N, C-alpha and C. Protein backbone atom coordinates (compact mmCIF):
# COMPACT_ATOMS: atom_id res chain seq x y z
N UNK A 1 -43.87 -3.13 16.94
CA UNK A 1 -42.84 -2.40 16.24
C UNK A 1 -43.46 -1.51 15.17
N UNK A 2 -44.51 -1.94 14.56
CA UNK A 2 -45.14 -1.16 13.50
C UNK A 2 -45.50 0.24 13.98
N UNK A 3 -45.96 0.35 15.23
CA UNK A 3 -46.31 1.64 15.79
C UNK A 3 -45.10 2.39 16.32
N UNK A 4 -44.12 1.66 16.87
CA UNK A 4 -42.95 2.29 17.48
C UNK A 4 -41.98 2.84 16.45
N UNK A 5 -41.79 2.13 15.34
CA UNK A 5 -40.88 2.58 14.29
C UNK A 5 -41.45 2.19 12.92
N UNK A 6 -42.45 2.95 12.46
CA UNK A 6 -43.11 2.59 11.20
C UNK A 6 -42.17 2.57 10.00
N UNK A 7 -41.14 3.41 10.01
CA UNK A 7 -40.20 3.43 8.88
C UNK A 7 -39.42 2.12 8.80
N UNK A 8 -38.90 1.66 9.92
CA UNK A 8 -38.16 0.40 9.94
C UNK A 8 -39.09 -0.75 9.57
N UNK A 9 -40.28 -0.77 10.12
CA UNK A 9 -41.24 -1.83 9.81
C UNK A 9 -41.53 -1.84 8.31
N UNK A 10 -41.66 -0.66 7.72
CA UNK A 10 -41.91 -0.55 6.28
C UNK A 10 -40.74 -1.11 5.47
N UNK A 11 -39.53 -0.80 5.87
CA UNK A 11 -38.35 -1.32 5.18
C UNK A 11 -38.32 -2.85 5.29
N UNK A 12 -38.55 -3.37 6.49
CA UNK A 12 -38.55 -4.82 6.68
C UNK A 12 -39.62 -5.49 5.82
N UNK A 13 -40.73 -4.83 5.63
CA UNK A 13 -41.83 -5.43 4.88
C UNK A 13 -41.54 -5.55 3.38
N UNK A 14 -40.48 -4.92 2.91
CA UNK A 14 -40.12 -5.02 1.49
C UNK A 14 -39.29 -6.26 1.18
N UNK A 15 -38.90 -7.00 2.20
CA UNK A 15 -38.04 -8.17 2.00
C UNK A 15 -38.86 -9.44 1.83
N UNK A 16 -38.26 -10.40 1.13
CA UNK A 16 -38.94 -11.68 0.91
C UNK A 16 -38.82 -12.61 2.09
N UNK A 17 -37.75 -12.46 2.89
CA UNK A 17 -37.55 -13.31 4.06
C UNK A 17 -36.67 -12.58 5.06
N UNK A 18 -37.06 -12.62 6.32
CA UNK A 18 -36.24 -12.09 7.40
C UNK A 18 -35.68 -13.28 8.17
N UNK A 19 -34.39 -13.22 8.49
CA UNK A 19 -33.75 -14.31 9.23
C UNK A 19 -33.25 -13.76 10.55
N UNK A 20 -33.69 -14.38 11.63
CA UNK A 20 -33.26 -14.03 12.97
C UNK A 20 -32.46 -15.20 13.52
N UNK A 21 -31.30 -14.90 14.09
CA UNK A 21 -30.41 -15.94 14.60
C UNK A 21 -30.11 -15.68 16.07
N UNK A 22 -30.14 -16.74 16.85
CA UNK A 22 -29.70 -16.64 18.23
C UNK A 22 -30.83 -16.69 19.24
N UNK A 23 -30.47 -17.17 20.41
CA UNK A 23 -31.44 -17.34 21.50
C UNK A 23 -32.01 -16.00 21.96
N UNK A 24 -31.17 -15.00 22.12
CA UNK A 24 -31.66 -13.70 22.58
C UNK A 24 -32.63 -13.09 21.57
N UNK A 25 -32.30 -13.16 20.29
CA UNK A 25 -33.21 -12.62 19.27
C UNK A 25 -34.53 -13.39 19.25
N UNK A 26 -34.47 -14.70 19.45
CA UNK A 26 -35.70 -15.50 19.53
C UNK A 26 -36.56 -15.02 20.69
N UNK A 27 -35.92 -14.84 21.85
CA UNK A 27 -36.67 -14.40 23.02
C UNK A 27 -37.25 -13.01 22.82
N UNK A 28 -36.56 -12.15 22.11
CA UNK A 28 -37.11 -10.83 21.81
C UNK A 28 -38.31 -10.96 20.87
N UNK A 29 -38.22 -11.85 19.89
CA UNK A 29 -39.33 -12.05 18.96
C UNK A 29 -40.60 -12.48 19.69
N UNK A 30 -40.46 -13.37 20.66
CA UNK A 30 -41.65 -13.90 21.34
C UNK A 30 -41.88 -13.23 22.69
N UNK A 31 -41.19 -12.14 22.95
CA UNK A 31 -41.44 -11.34 24.14
C UNK A 31 -40.86 -11.90 25.43
N UNK A 32 -40.02 -12.93 25.32
CA UNK A 32 -39.44 -13.56 26.51
C UNK A 32 -40.52 -13.87 27.56
N UNK A 33 -41.65 -14.33 27.05
CA UNK A 33 -42.82 -14.64 27.88
C UNK A 33 -42.85 -16.15 28.15
N UNK A 34 -43.34 -16.54 29.29
CA UNK A 34 -43.47 -17.95 29.64
C UNK A 34 -44.71 -18.53 28.95
N UNK A 35 -44.62 -18.70 27.64
CA UNK A 35 -45.72 -19.22 26.83
C UNK A 35 -45.96 -20.69 27.13
N UNK A 36 -47.17 -21.14 26.85
CA UNK A 36 -47.41 -22.58 26.75
C UNK A 36 -46.58 -23.04 25.55
N UNK A 37 -45.80 -24.10 25.67
CA UNK A 37 -44.91 -24.51 24.58
C UNK A 37 -45.62 -24.84 23.27
N UNK A 38 -46.93 -25.13 23.33
CA UNK A 38 -47.66 -25.45 22.10
C UNK A 38 -48.26 -24.21 21.44
N UNK A 39 -48.05 -23.03 22.02
CA UNK A 39 -48.53 -21.80 21.40
C UNK A 39 -47.89 -21.68 20.02
N UNK A 40 -48.67 -21.45 18.97
CA UNK A 40 -48.08 -21.31 17.64
C UNK A 40 -47.06 -20.16 17.59
N UNK A 41 -45.98 -20.39 16.87
CA UNK A 41 -44.93 -19.40 16.73
C UNK A 41 -45.49 -18.07 16.22
N UNK A 42 -46.34 -18.14 15.21
CA UNK A 42 -46.93 -16.92 14.64
C UNK A 42 -47.71 -16.14 15.68
N UNK A 43 -48.45 -16.82 16.53
CA UNK A 43 -49.20 -16.15 17.60
C UNK A 43 -48.26 -15.48 18.59
N UNK A 44 -47.17 -16.15 18.92
CA UNK A 44 -46.21 -15.61 19.89
C UNK A 44 -45.47 -14.39 19.35
N UNK A 45 -45.48 -14.19 18.05
CA UNK A 45 -44.85 -12.99 17.47
C UNK A 45 -45.66 -11.73 17.77
N UNK A 46 -46.89 -11.90 18.24
CA UNK A 46 -47.74 -10.81 18.70
C UNK A 46 -47.90 -9.70 17.65
N UNK A 47 -48.11 -10.11 16.40
CA UNK A 47 -48.36 -9.13 15.35
C UNK A 47 -47.12 -8.68 14.59
N UNK A 48 -45.93 -9.04 15.05
CA UNK A 48 -44.71 -8.68 14.32
C UNK A 48 -44.50 -9.68 13.20
N UNK A 49 -44.86 -9.30 12.00
CA UNK A 49 -44.66 -10.15 10.85
C UNK A 49 -44.65 -9.28 9.59
N UNK A 50 -43.65 -8.39 9.47
CA UNK A 50 -43.61 -7.51 8.32
C UNK A 50 -43.34 -8.27 7.02
N UNK A 51 -42.74 -9.44 7.12
CA UNK A 51 -42.43 -10.30 5.98
C UNK A 51 -42.28 -11.72 6.54
N UNK A 52 -42.31 -12.73 5.68
CA UNK A 52 -42.05 -14.07 6.19
C UNK A 52 -40.73 -14.08 6.96
N UNK A 53 -40.69 -14.85 8.05
CA UNK A 53 -39.45 -14.86 8.83
C UNK A 53 -39.14 -16.25 9.33
N UNK A 54 -37.85 -16.46 9.53
CA UNK A 54 -37.35 -17.70 10.09
C UNK A 54 -36.46 -17.35 11.28
N UNK A 55 -36.55 -18.16 12.31
CA UNK A 55 -35.72 -17.97 13.49
C UNK A 55 -34.88 -19.23 13.70
N UNK A 56 -33.57 -19.04 13.82
CA UNK A 56 -32.62 -20.12 14.08
C UNK A 56 -32.11 -19.92 15.50
N UNK A 57 -32.23 -20.93 16.32
CA UNK A 57 -31.95 -20.73 17.73
C UNK A 57 -31.34 -21.96 18.38
N UNK A 58 -30.28 -21.76 19.16
CA UNK A 58 -29.78 -22.76 20.09
C UNK A 58 -30.46 -22.47 21.42
N UNK A 59 -31.10 -23.46 22.00
CA UNK A 59 -31.88 -23.25 23.23
C UNK A 59 -30.96 -23.03 24.43
N UNK A 60 -31.06 -21.83 25.01
CA UNK A 60 -30.28 -21.49 26.19
C UNK A 60 -31.13 -20.84 27.27
N UNK A 61 -32.43 -20.77 27.05
CA UNK A 61 -33.37 -20.21 28.03
C UNK A 61 -34.69 -20.96 27.90
N UNK A 62 -35.51 -20.90 28.94
CA UNK A 62 -36.71 -21.74 28.97
C UNK A 62 -37.91 -21.21 28.22
N UNK A 63 -37.75 -20.19 27.42
CA UNK A 63 -38.84 -19.69 26.58
C UNK A 63 -38.89 -20.51 25.30
N UNK A 64 -40.06 -21.09 25.01
CA UNK A 64 -40.21 -21.88 23.79
C UNK A 64 -41.67 -21.87 23.36
N UNK A 65 -41.90 -21.85 22.06
CA UNK A 65 -43.24 -21.92 21.48
C UNK A 65 -43.19 -22.82 20.25
N UNK A 66 -44.36 -23.15 19.73
CA UNK A 66 -44.44 -23.87 18.47
C UNK A 66 -44.17 -25.36 18.54
N UNK A 67 -44.15 -25.93 19.74
CA UNK A 67 -43.89 -27.37 19.85
C UNK A 67 -45.18 -28.16 19.61
N UNK A 68 -45.03 -29.33 19.01
CA UNK A 68 -46.16 -30.23 18.87
C UNK A 68 -46.61 -30.67 20.26
N UNK A 69 -47.91 -30.90 20.44
CA UNK A 69 -48.38 -31.38 21.75
C UNK A 69 -47.61 -32.65 22.18
N UNK A 70 -47.15 -32.64 23.40
CA UNK A 70 -46.42 -33.78 23.95
C UNK A 70 -44.92 -33.72 23.77
N UNK A 71 -44.43 -32.92 22.82
CA UNK A 71 -42.99 -32.89 22.57
C UNK A 71 -42.21 -32.30 23.75
N UNK A 72 -42.74 -31.25 24.36
CA UNK A 72 -42.08 -30.65 25.52
C UNK A 72 -41.95 -31.66 26.65
N UNK A 73 -43.00 -32.42 26.91
CA UNK A 73 -42.98 -33.43 27.96
C UNK A 73 -41.99 -34.56 27.61
N UNK A 74 -41.97 -34.93 26.34
CA UNK A 74 -41.04 -35.97 25.89
C UNK A 74 -39.59 -35.51 26.08
N UNK A 75 -39.32 -34.27 25.71
CA UNK A 75 -37.96 -33.74 25.86
C UNK A 75 -37.59 -33.61 27.33
N UNK A 76 -38.54 -33.17 28.17
CA UNK A 76 -38.27 -33.05 29.61
C UNK A 76 -37.96 -34.41 30.23
N UNK A 77 -38.59 -35.47 29.74
CA UNK A 77 -38.31 -36.81 30.25
C UNK A 77 -36.90 -37.25 29.87
N UNK A 78 -36.45 -36.87 28.67
CA UNK A 78 -35.10 -37.23 28.22
C UNK A 78 -34.04 -36.41 28.93
N UNK A 79 -34.31 -35.11 29.06
CA UNK A 79 -33.34 -34.19 29.65
C UNK A 79 -34.11 -33.02 30.25
N UNK A 80 -34.26 -32.98 31.56
CA UNK A 80 -35.03 -31.91 32.19
C UNK A 80 -34.47 -30.51 31.92
N UNK A 81 -33.22 -30.42 31.53
CA UNK A 81 -32.59 -29.12 31.26
C UNK A 81 -32.42 -28.84 29.77
N UNK A 82 -33.16 -29.53 28.92
CA UNK A 82 -32.94 -29.42 27.48
C UNK A 82 -33.08 -28.00 26.95
N UNK A 83 -33.91 -27.19 27.58
CA UNK A 83 -34.10 -25.82 27.09
C UNK A 83 -32.95 -24.87 27.44
N UNK A 84 -32.07 -25.28 28.32
CA UNK A 84 -31.03 -24.36 28.77
C UNK A 84 -29.60 -24.85 28.57
N UNK A 85 -29.43 -26.07 28.08
CA UNK A 85 -28.08 -26.63 27.95
C UNK A 85 -27.30 -26.12 26.74
N UNK A 86 -27.99 -25.61 25.74
CA UNK A 86 -27.33 -25.22 24.50
C UNK A 86 -27.05 -26.40 23.58
N UNK A 87 -27.55 -27.58 23.94
CA UNK A 87 -27.34 -28.78 23.13
C UNK A 87 -28.46 -29.01 22.11
N UNK A 88 -29.55 -28.27 22.24
CA UNK A 88 -30.69 -28.44 21.35
C UNK A 88 -30.97 -27.11 20.65
N UNK A 89 -31.63 -27.21 19.51
CA UNK A 89 -31.94 -26.00 18.78
C UNK A 89 -33.30 -26.09 18.11
N UNK A 90 -33.73 -24.96 17.61
CA UNK A 90 -35.02 -24.85 16.91
C UNK A 90 -34.86 -24.02 15.65
N UNK A 91 -35.59 -24.40 14.63
CA UNK A 91 -35.76 -23.58 13.44
C UNK A 91 -37.25 -23.40 13.30
N UNK A 92 -37.72 -22.15 13.31
CA UNK A 92 -39.16 -21.90 13.20
C UNK A 92 -39.41 -20.87 12.12
N UNK A 93 -40.53 -21.05 11.42
CA UNK A 93 -40.89 -20.21 10.27
C UNK A 93 -42.31 -19.68 10.45
N UNK A 94 -42.51 -18.46 10.03
CA UNK A 94 -43.87 -17.87 10.03
C UNK A 94 -44.04 -17.02 8.79
N UNK A 95 -45.25 -17.04 8.26
CA UNK A 95 -45.58 -16.13 7.14
C UNK A 95 -47.02 -15.73 7.20
């Protein structure tokens, strides 16, 4: 985004915290890529970090990052559809 719209990126960089809400916005943040679930959230942002940011998300698609090792497997054992049911959520922070 910094290259595509430097003015907007500059405006965003003046804020103390950016808040993104929703599954679609989360997927846009991480590129809707089939990441390894343990990929750090900050890495999945692929350089988009004009200011500290938090993402609030109800899981409705199978894109997920930032999980502790083993947590994805544990959740899959409890509910194989946990990423798409809308019954689970994530709050992730990067700075």
